[in-house]
Amino acid sequence: MPGPMPNPARPFSRAHRGVRNLVILPAAGCTLPVPAIPEGRDWTPAETEMWRGLWQSPQATQWDESFTGSVAMYCANAAAVLAGECRSLAGR
């Protein structure tokens, strides 16, 4: 069984998440300047390239400078996963 049916009477019900909240992202990507990568660690060239690419992506049109920490954390973790430097915590 997939779970309970959406209840439109509840304000956070899945019934309220639909096409009306859809944001159409620009195909060309973000044209704003790429923010400086956070200091505090040595960034690899691959992480720096990922940083630039993410801030020039269409999704970046929805971000402001408050997202720099989240994007930096994503870049560091994604690079570690792709390099095979992460281990699973599932086997603990």
PDB file of N, CA and C in Angstrom:
ATOM      1  N   MET A   1       0.849  -1.182   0.000  1.00  0.00           N
ATOM      2  CA  MET A   1       0.000   0.000   0.000  1.00  0.00           C
ATOM      3  C   MET A   1       0.891   1.241   0.000  1.00  0.00           C
ATOM      4  N   PRO A   2       0.633   2.233  -0.858  1.00  0.00           N
ATOM      5  CA  PRO A   2       1.514   3.376  -1.003  1.00  0.00           C
ATOM      6  C   PRO A   2       1.462   4.385   0.131  1.00  0.00           C
ATOM      7  N   GLY A   3       0.483   4.349   0.999  1.00  0.00           N
ATOM      8  CA  GLY A   3       0.404   5.319   2.089  1.00  0.00           C
ATOM      9  C   GLY A   3      -0.930   6.041   2.070  1.00  0.00           C
ATOM     10  N   PRO A   4      -1.083   6.989   2.975  1.00  0.00           N
ATOM     11  CA  PRO A   4      -2.358   7.698   3.069  1.00  0.00           C
ATOM     12  C   PRO A   4      -2.594   8.603   1.870  1.00  0.00           C
ATOM     13  N   MET A   5      -3.851   8.816   1.600  1.00  0.00           N
ATOM     14  CA  MET A   5      -4.233   9.706   0.506  1.00  0.00           C
ATOM     15  C   MET A   5      -3.980  11.159   0.924  1.00  0.00           C
ATOM     16  N   PRO A   6      -3.674  12.048  -0.016  1.00  0.00           N
ATOM     17  CA  PRO A   6      -3.507  13.455   0.313  1.00  0.00           C
ATOM     18  C   PRO A   6      -4.794  14.037   0.895  1.00  0.00           C
ATOM     19  N   ASN A   7      -4.652  14.876   1.892  1.00  0.00           N
ATOM     20  CA  ASN A   7      -5.800  15.496   2.540  1.00  0.00           C
ATOM     21  C   ASN A   7      -5.752  16.996   2.283  1.00  0.00           C
ATOM     22  N   PRO A   8      -6.582  17.525   1.394  1.00  0.00           N
ATOM     23  CA  PRO A   8      -6.534  18.947   1.069  1.00  0.00           C
ATOM     24  C   PRO A   8      -6.903  19.854   2.240  1.00  0.00           C
ATOM     25  N   ALA A   9      -7.504  19.312   3.298  1.00  0.00           N
ATOM     26  CA  ALA A   9      -7.855  20.118   4.465  1.00  0.00           C
ATOM     27  C   ALA A   9      -6.621  20.432   5.310  1.00  0.00           C
ATOM     28  N   ARG A  10      -5.560  19.664   5.171  1.00  0.00           N
ATOM     29  CA  ARG A  10      -4.327  19.898   5.925  1.00  0.00           C
ATOM     30  C   ARG A  10      -3.416  20.824   5.110  1.00  0.00           C
ATOM     31  N   PRO A  11      -2.901  21.903   5.712  1.00  0.00           N
ATOM     32  CA  PRO A  11      -2.114  22.870   4.934  1.00  0.00           C
ATOM     33  C   PRO A  11      -0.818  22.318   4.355  1.00  0.00           C
ATOM     34  N   PHE A  12      -0.223  21.298   4.952  1.00  0.00           N
ATOM     35  CA  PHE A  12       1.030  20.758   4.434  1.00  0.00           C
ATOM     36  C   PHE A  12       0.825  19.423   3.717  1.00  0.00           C
ATOM     37  N   SER A  13      -0.398  19.159   3.313  1.00  0.00           N
ATOM     38  CA  SER A  13      -0.723  17.934   2.606  1.00  0.00           C
ATOM     39  C   SER A  13      -0.087  17.921   1.224  1.00  0.00           C
ATOM     40  N   ARG A  14       0.173  16.727   0.716  1.00  0.00           N
ATOM     41  CA  ARG A  14       0.709  16.599  -0.637  1.00  0.00           C
ATOM     42  C   ARG A  14      -0.254  17.136  -1.682  1.00  0.00           C
ATOM     43  N   ALA A  15      -1.525  17.262  -1.321  1.00  0.00           N
ATOM     44  CA  ALA A  15      -2.512  17.782  -2.259  1.00  0.00           C
ATOM     45  C   ALA A  15      -2.217  19.235  -2.635  1.00  0.00           C
ATOM     46  N   HIS A  16      -1.451  19.945  -1.795  1.00  0.00           N
ATOM     47  CA  HIS A  16      -1.127  21.342  -2.069  1.00  0.00           C
ATOM     48  C   HIS A  16       0.158  21.497  -2.872  1.00  0.00           C
ATOM     49  N   ARG A  17       0.842  20.397  -3.121  1.00  0.00           N
ATOM     50  CA  ARG A  17       2.091  20.463  -3.879  1.00  0.00           C
ATOM     51  C   ARG A  17       1.800  20.063  -5.310  1.00  0.00           C
ATOM     52  N   GLY A  18       1.676  21.018  -6.151  1.00  0.00           N
ATOM     53  CA  GLY A  18       1.321  20.688  -7.521  1.00  0.00           C
ATOM     54  C   GLY A  18       1.922  21.645  -8.514  1.00  0.00           C
ATOM     55  N   VAL A  19       1.290  21.705  -9.649  1.00  0.00           N
ATOM     56  CA  VAL A  19       1.782  22.508 -10.759  1.00  0.00           C
ATOM     57  C   VAL A  19       1.822  23.984 -10.402  1.00  0.00           C
ATOM     58  N   ARG A  20       0.980  24.433  -9.511  1.00  0.00           N
ATOM     59  CA  ARG A  20       0.955  25.863  -9.198  1.00  0.00           C
ATOM     60  C   ARG A  20       2.242  26.330  -8.526  1.00  0.00           C
ATOM     61  N   ASN A  21       3.040  25.413  -7.967  1.00  0.00           N
ATOM     62  CA  ASN A  21       4.313  25.763  -7.349  1.00  0.00           C
ATOM     63  C   ASN A  21       5.486  25.558  -8.295  1.00  0.00           C
ATOM     64  N   LEU A  22       5.210  25.221  -9.521  1.00  0.00           N
ATOM     65  CA  LEU A  22       6.248  24.926 -10.487  1.00  0.00           C
ATOM     66  C   LEU A  22       6.967  26.209 -10.906  1.00  0.00           C
ATOM     67  N   VAL A  23       8.300  26.171 -10.870  1.00  0.00           N
ATOM     68  CA  VAL A  23       9.114  27.303 -11.319  1.00  0.00           C
ATOM     69  C   VAL A  23       9.804  26.885 -12.612  1.00  0.00           C
ATOM     70  N   ILE A  24       9.628  27.650 -13.642  1.00  0.00           N
ATOM     71  CA  ILE A  24      10.275  27.374 -14.921  1.00  0.00           C
ATOM     72  C   ILE A  24      11.655  28.028 -14.887  1.00  0.00           C
ATOM     73  N   LEU A  25      12.692  27.205 -14.965  1.00  0.00           N
ATOM     74  CA  LEU A  25      14.059  27.721 -14.935  1.00  0.00           C
ATOM     75  C   LEU A  25      14.489  28.142 -16.336  1.00  0.00           C
ATOM     76  N   PRO A  26      15.330  29.164 -16.434  1.00  0.00           N
ATOM     77  CA  PRO A  26      15.785  29.600 -17.758  1.00  0.00           C
ATOM     78  C   PRO A  26      16.716  28.564 -18.370  1.00  0.00           C
ATOM     79  N   ALA A  27      16.592  28.352 -19.646  1.00  0.00           N
ATOM     80  CA  ALA A  27      17.425  27.361 -20.333  1.00  0.00           C
ATOM     81  C   ALA A  27      18.885  27.793 -20.390  1.00  0.00           C
ATOM     82  N   ALA A  28      19.133  29.094 -20.412  1.00  0.00           N
ATOM     83  CA  ALA A  28      20.493  29.599 -20.570  1.00  0.00           C
ATOM     84  C   ALA A  28      21.313  29.531 -19.288  1.00  0.00           C
ATOM     85  N   GLY A  29      20.695  29.365 -18.156  1.00  0.00           N
ATOM     86  CA  GLY A  29      21.437  29.336 -16.900  1.00  0.00           C
ATOM     87  C   GLY A  29      21.503  30.706 -16.261  1.00  0.00           C
ATOM     88  N   CYS A  30      22.215  30.772 -15.164  1.00  0.00           N
ATOM     89  CA  CYS A  30      22.319  32.001 -14.391  1.00  0.00           C
ATOM     90  C   CYS A  30      23.417  32.889 -14.967  1.00  0.00           C
ATOM     91  N   THR A  31      23.112  34.155 -15.143  1.00  0.00           N
ATOM     92  CA  THR A  31      24.075  35.094 -15.706  1.00  0.00           C
ATOM     93  C   THR A  31      24.696  36.000 -14.641  1.00  0.00           C
ATOM     94  N   LEU A  32      24.322  35.822 -13.388  1.00  0.00           N
ATOM     95  CA  LEU A  32      24.903  36.615 -12.308  1.00  0.00           C
ATOM     96  C   LEU A  32      26.343  36.178 -12.059  1.00  0.00           C
ATOM     97  N   PRO A  33      27.170  37.033 -11.454  1.00  0.00           N
ATOM     98  CA  PRO A  33      28.545  36.638 -11.174  1.00  0.00           C
ATOM     99  C   PRO A  33      28.601  35.476 -10.182  1.00  0.00           C
ATOM    100  N   VAL A  34      29.563  34.598 -10.383  1.00  0.00           N
ATOM    101  CA  VAL A  34      29.752  33.454  -9.486  1.00  0.00           C
ATOM    102  C   VAL A  34      30.364  33.975  -8.191  1.00  0.00           C
ATOM    103  N   PRO A  35      29.749  33.656  -7.028  1.00  0.00           N
ATOM    104  CA  PRO A  35      30.337  34.110  -5.763  1.00  0.00           C
ATOM    105  C   PRO A  35      31.688  33.440  -5.513  1.00  0.00           C
ATOM    106  N   ALA A  36      32.496  34.078  -4.696  1.00  0.00           N
ATOM    107  CA  ALA A  36      33.799  33.511  -4.339  1.00  0.00           C
ATOM    108  C   ALA A  36      33.588  32.224  -3.551  1.00  0.00           C
ATOM    109  N   ILE A  37      34.407  31.233  -3.832  1.00  0.00           N
ATOM    110  CA  ILE A  37      34.327  29.963  -3.114  1.00  0.00           C
ATOM    111  C   ILE A  37      34.778  30.201  -1.671  1.00  0.00           C
ATOM    112  N   PRO A  38      34.102  29.617  -0.683  1.00  0.00           N
ATOM    113  CA  PRO A  38      34.446  29.894   0.720  1.00  0.00           C
ATOM    114  C   PRO A  38      35.890  29.533   1.055  1.00  0.00           C
ATOM    115  N   GLU A  39      36.470  30.320   1.946  1.00  0.00           N
ATOM    116  CA  GLU A  39      37.822  30.047   2.415  1.00  0.00           C
ATOM    117  C   GLU A  39      37.750  29.053   3.574  1.00  0.00           C
ATOM    118  N   GLY A  40      38.900  28.584   3.994  1.00  0.00           N
ATOM    119  CA  GLY A  40      38.936  27.679   5.134  1.00  0.00           C
ATOM    120  C   GLY A  40      39.438  26.294   4.786  1.00  0.00           C
ATOM    121  N   ARG A  41      39.586  26.008   3.509  1.00  0.00           N
ATOM    122  CA  ARG A  41      40.134  24.737   3.064  1.00  0.00           C
ATOM    123  C   ARG A  41      40.735  24.921   1.678  1.00  0.00           C
ATOM    124  N   ASP A  42      41.546  23.973   1.282  1.00  0.00           N
ATOM    125  CA  ASP A  42      42.104  23.994  -0.068  1.00  0.00           C
ATOM    126  C   ASP A  42      41.139  23.268  -1.000  1.00  0.00           C
ATOM    127  N   TRP A  43      40.630  23.974  -1.983  1.00  0.00           N
ATOM    128  CA  TRP A  43      39.684  23.400  -2.937  1.00  0.00           C
ATOM    129  C   TRP A  43      40.461  22.806  -4.099  1.00  0.00           C
ATOM    130  N   THR A  44      40.088  21.612  -4.498  1.00  0.00           N
ATOM    131  CA  THR A  44      40.733  20.971  -5.643  1.00  0.00           C
ATOM    132  C   THR A  44      40.229  21.630  -6.928  1.00  0.00           C
ATOM    133  N   PRO A  45      40.949  21.462  -8.025  1.00  0.00           N
ATOM    134  CA  PRO A  45      40.456  22.007  -9.297  1.00  0.00           C
ATOM    135  C   PRO A  45      39.082  21.441  -9.680  1.00  0.00           C
ATOM    136  N   ALA A  46      38.846  20.160  -9.393  1.00  0.00           N
ATOM    137  CA  ALA A  46      37.541  19.558  -9.718  1.00  0.00           C
ATOM    138  C   ALA A  46      36.427  20.193  -8.896  1.00  0.00           C
ATOM    139  N   GLU A  47      36.684  20.456  -7.619  1.00  0.00           N
ATOM    140  CA  GLU A  47      35.674  21.095  -6.765  1.00  0.00           C
ATOM    141  C   GLU A  47      35.410  22.526  -7.219  1.00  0.00           C
ATOM    142  N   THR A  48      36.458  23.229  -7.598  1.00  0.00           N
ATOM    143  CA  THR A  48      36.307  24.600  -8.073  1.00  0.00           C
ATOM    144  C   THR A  48      35.508  24.641  -9.374  1.00  0.00           C
ATOM    145  N   GLU A  49      35.763  23.685 -10.247  1.00  0.00           N
ATOM    146  CA  GLU A  49      35.008  23.604 -11.503  1.00  0.00           C
ATOM    147  C   GLU A  49      33.539  23.287 -11.227  1.00  0.00           C
ATOM    148  N   MET A  50      33.293  22.374 -10.285  1.00  0.00           N
ATOM    149  CA  MET A  50      31.912  22.032  -9.913  1.00  0.00           C
ATOM    150  C   MET A  50      31.218  23.265  -9.333  1.00  0.00           C
ATOM    151  N   TRP A  51      31.918  24.006  -8.485  1.00  0.00           N
ATOM    152  CA  TRP A  51      31.389  25.235  -7.879  1.00  0.00           C
ATOM    153  C   TRP A  51      30.934  26.216  -8.959  1.00  0.00           C
ATOM    154  N   ARG A  52      31.831  26.463  -9.922  1.00  0.00           N
ATOM    155  CA  ARG A  52      31.512  27.391 -11.008  1.00  0.00           C
ATOM    156  C   ARG A  52      30.311  26.897 -11.817  1.00  0.00           C
ATOM    157  N   GLY A  53      30.324  25.610 -12.133  1.00  0.00           N
ATOM    158  CA  GLY A  53      29.237  25.042 -12.929  1.00  0.00           C
ATOM    159  C   GLY A  53      27.887  25.123 -12.235  1.00  0.00           C
ATOM    160  N   LEU A  54      27.874  24.873 -10.946  1.00  0.00           N
ATOM    161  CA  LEU A  54      26.613  24.945 -10.208  1.00  0.00           C
ATOM    162  C   LEU A  54      26.076  26.371 -10.156  1.00  0.00           C
ATOM    163  N   TRP A  55      26.963  27.343  -9.935  1.00  0.00           N
ATOM    164  CA  TRP A  55      26.512  28.738  -9.856  1.00  0.00           C
ATOM    165  C   TRP A  55      26.152  29.318 -11.222  1.00  0.00           C
ATOM    166  N   GLN A  56      26.509  28.647 -12.304  1.00  0.00           N
ATOM    167  CA  GLN A  56      26.117  29.094 -13.638  1.00  0.00           C
ATOM    168  C   GLN A  56      24.951  28.278 -14.187  1.00  0.00           C
ATOM    169  N   SER A  57      24.458  27.328 -13.414  1.00  0.00           N
ATOM    170  CA  SER A  57      23.370  26.459 -13.858  1.00  0.00           C
ATOM    171  C   SER A  57      22.023  27.191 -13.775  1.00  0.00           C
ATOM    172  N   PRO A  58      21.006  26.677 -14.443  1.00  0.00           N
ATOM    173  CA  PRO A  58      19.675  27.289 -14.332  1.00  0.00           C
ATOM    174  C   PRO A  58      19.151  27.306 -12.895  1.00  0.00           C
ATOM    175  N   GLN A  59      19.475  26.287 -12.104  1.00  0.00           N
ATOM    176  CA  GLN A  59      19.002  26.241 -10.717  1.00  0.00           C
ATOM    177  C   GLN A  59      19.532  27.406  -9.899  1.00  0.00           C
ATOM    178  N   ALA A  60      20.720  27.897 -10.233  1.00  0.00           N
ATOM    179  CA  ALA A  60      21.337  28.994  -9.475  1.00  0.00           C
ATOM    180  C   ALA A  60      20.522  30.278  -9.539  1.00  0.00           C
ATOM    181  N   THR A  61      19.610  30.385 -10.499  1.00  0.00           N
ATOM    182  CA  THR A  61      18.755  31.578 -10.552  1.00  0.00           C
ATOM    183  C   THR A  61      17.833  31.649  -9.342  1.00  0.00           C
ATOM    184  N   GLN A  62      17.703  30.553  -8.614  1.00  0.00           N
ATOM    185  CA  GLN A  62      16.835  30.505  -7.441  1.00  0.00           C
ATOM    186  C   GLN A  62      17.613  30.686  -6.135  1.00  0.00           C
ATOM    187  N   TRP A  63      18.917  30.858  -6.205  1.00  0.00           N
ATOM    188  CA  TRP A  63      19.759  30.970  -5.015  1.00  0.00           C
ATOM    189  C   TRP A  63      20.221  32.405  -4.809  1.00  0.00           C
ATOM    190  N   ASP A  64      20.559  32.714  -3.565  1.00  0.00           N
ATOM    191  CA  ASP A  64      21.283  33.948  -3.271  1.00  0.00           C
ATOM    192  C   ASP A  64      22.553  33.561  -2.517  1.00  0.00           C
ATOM    193  N   GLU A  65      23.278  34.537  -1.995  1.00  0.00           N
ATOM    194  CA  GLU A  65      24.558  34.247  -1.347  1.00  0.00           C
ATOM    195  C   GLU A  65      24.414  33.378  -0.103  1.00  0.00           C
ATOM    196  N   SER A  66      23.214  33.284   0.456  1.00  0.00           N
ATOM    197  CA  SER A  66      23.029  32.431   1.638  1.00  0.00           C
ATOM    198  C   SER A  66      23.192  30.948   1.295  1.00  0.00           C
ATOM    199  N   PHE A  67      23.207  30.599   0.030  1.00  0.00           N
ATOM    200  CA  PHE A  67      23.376  29.209  -0.385  1.00  0.00           C
ATOM    201  C   PHE A  67      24.840  28.811  -0.557  1.00  0.00           C
ATOM    202  N   THR A  68      25.771  29.739  -0.357  1.00  0.00           N
ATOM    203  CA  THR A  68      27.173  29.404  -0.600  1.00  0.00           C
ATOM    204  C   THR A  68      27.654  28.247   0.266  1.00  0.00           C
ATOM    205  N   GLY A  69      27.267  28.219   1.522  1.00  0.00           N
ATOM    206  CA  GLY A  69      27.676  27.117   2.399  1.00  0.00           C
ATOM    207  C   GLY A  69      27.136  25.780   1.943  1.00  0.00           C
ATOM    208  N   SER A  70      25.875  25.746   1.553  1.00  0.00           N
ATOM    209  CA  SER A  70      25.258  24.500   1.093  1.00  0.00           C
ATOM    210  C   SER A  70      25.890  24.011  -0.204  1.00  0.00           C
ATOM    211  N   VAL A  71      26.135  24.929  -1.129  1.00  0.00           N
ATOM    212  CA  VAL A  71      26.744  24.544  -2.403  1.00  0.00           C
ATOM    213  C   VAL A  71      28.181  24.081  -2.178  1.00  0.00           C
ATOM    214  N   ALA A  72      28.902  24.754  -1.278  1.00  0.00           N
ATOM    215  CA  ALA A  72      30.277  24.345  -0.966  1.00  0.00           C
ATOM    216  C   ALA A  72      30.295  22.950  -0.347  1.00  0.00           C
ATOM    217  N   MET A  73      29.380  22.687   0.574  1.00  0.00           N
ATOM    218  CA  MET A  73      29.305  21.366   1.203  1.00  0.00           C
ATOM    219  C   MET A  73      28.977  20.305   0.164  1.00  0.00           C
ATOM    220  N   TYR A  74      28.072  20.619  -0.751  1.00  0.00           N
ATOM    221  CA  TYR A  74      27.739  19.683  -1.814  1.00  0.00           C
ATOM    222  C   TYR A  74      28.963  19.384  -2.670  1.00  0.00           C
ATOM    223  N   CYS A  75      29.695  20.425  -3.060  1.00  0.00           N
ATOM    224  CA  CYS A  75      30.879  20.231  -3.906  1.00  0.00           C
ATOM    225  C   CYS A  75      31.909  19.343  -3.211  1.00  0.00           C
ATOM    226  N   ALA A  76      32.183  19.614  -1.941  1.00  0.00           N
ATOM    227  CA  ALA A  76      33.176  18.833  -1.201  1.00  0.00           C
ATOM    228  C   ALA A  76      32.740  17.379  -1.061  1.00  0.00           C
ATOM    229  N   ASN A  77      31.473  17.168  -0.715  1.00  0.00           N
ATOM    230  CA  ASN A  77      30.989  15.802  -0.530  1.00  0.00           C
ATOM    231  C   ASN A  77      30.852  15.047  -1.850  1.00  0.00           C
ATOM    232  N   ALA A  78      30.353  15.717  -2.879  1.00  0.00           N
ATOM    233  CA  ALA A  78      30.212  15.055  -4.179  1.00  0.00           C
ATOM    234  C   ALA A  78      31.578  14.666  -4.733  1.00  0.00           C
ATOM    235  N   ALA A  79      32.575  15.550  -4.580  1.00  0.00           N
ATOM    236  CA  ALA A  79      33.921  15.225  -5.058  1.00  0.00           C
ATOM    237  C   ALA A  79      34.497  14.039  -4.290  1.00  0.00           C
ATOM    238  N   ALA A  80      34.256  13.969  -2.985  1.00  0.00           N
ATOM    239  CA  ALA A  80      34.753  12.842  -2.187  1.00  0.00           C
ATOM    240  C   ALA A  80      34.091  11.532  -2.605  1.00  0.00           C
ATOM    241  N   VAL A  81      32.796  11.576  -2.870  1.00  0.00           N
ATOM    242  CA  VAL A  81      32.084  10.372  -3.316  1.00  0.00           C
ATOM    243  C   VAL A  81      32.613   9.925  -4.672  1.00  0.00           C
ATOM    244  N   LEU A  82      32.745  10.868  -5.597  1.00  0.00           N
ATOM    245  CA  LEU A  82      33.218  10.520  -6.938  1.00  0.00           C
ATOM    246  C   LEU A  82      34.656  10.011  -6.928  1.00  0.00           C
ATOM    247  N   ALA A  83      35.445  10.446  -5.955  1.00  0.00           N
ATOM    248  CA  ALA A  83      36.836   9.982  -5.844  1.00  0.00           C
ATOM    249  C   ALA A  83      36.948   8.681  -5.051  1.00  0.00           C
ATOM    250  N   GLY A  84      35.817   8.176  -4.550  1.00  0.00           N
ATOM    251  CA  GLY A  84      35.832   6.940  -3.774  1.00  0.00           C
ATOM    252  C   GLY A  84      36.417   7.113  -2.383  1.00  0.00           C
ATOM    253  N   GLU A  85      36.357   8.322  -1.842  1.00  0.00           N
ATOM    254  CA  GLU A  85      36.929   8.603  -0.533  1.00  0.00           C
ATOM    255  C   GLU A  85      35.910   8.590   0.588  1.00  0.00           C
ATOM    256  N   CYS A  86      34.676   8.251   0.301  1.00  0.00           N
ATOM    257  CA  CYS A  86      33.630   8.188   1.335  1.00  0.00           C
ATOM    258  C   CYS A  86      33.337   6.737   1.651  1.00  0.00           C
ATOM    259  N   ARG A  87      32.977   6.505   2.903  1.00  0.00           N
ATOM    260  CA  ARG A  87      32.563   5.154   3.266  1.00  0.00           C
ATOM    261  C   ARG A  87      31.129   5.235   3.788  1.00  0.00           C
ATOM    262  N   SER A  88      30.425   4.159   3.623  1.00  0.00           N
ATOM    263  CA  SER A  88      29.032   4.114   4.032  1.00  0.00           C
ATOM    264  C   SER A  88      28.920   4.029   5.541  1.00  0.00           C
ATOM    265  N   LEU A  89      27.939   4.720   6.080  1.00  0.00           N
ATOM    266  CA  LEU A  89      27.643   4.630   7.503  1.00  0.00           C
ATOM    267  C   LEU A  89      26.541   3.607   7.760  1.00  0.00           C
ATOM    268  N   ALA A  90      26.024   2.998   6.704  1.00  0.00           N
ATOM    269  CA  ALA A  90      24.918   2.048   6.840  1.00  0.00           C
ATOM    270  C   ALA A  90      25.346   0.778   7.572  1.00  0.00           C
ATOM    271  N   GLY A  91      26.595   0.423   7.489  1.00  0.00           N
ATOM    272  CA  GLY A  91      27.057  -0.831   8.105  1.00  0.00           C
ATOM    273  C   GLY A  91      27.434  -0.687   9.568  1.00  0.00           C
ATOM    274  N   ARG A  92      27.166   0.436  10.191  1.00  0.00           N
ATOM    275  CA  ARG A  92      27.547   0.624  11.591  1.00  0.00           C
ATOM    276  C   ARG A  92      26.748  -0.201  12.529  1.00  0.00           C
TER     277      ARG A  92
END
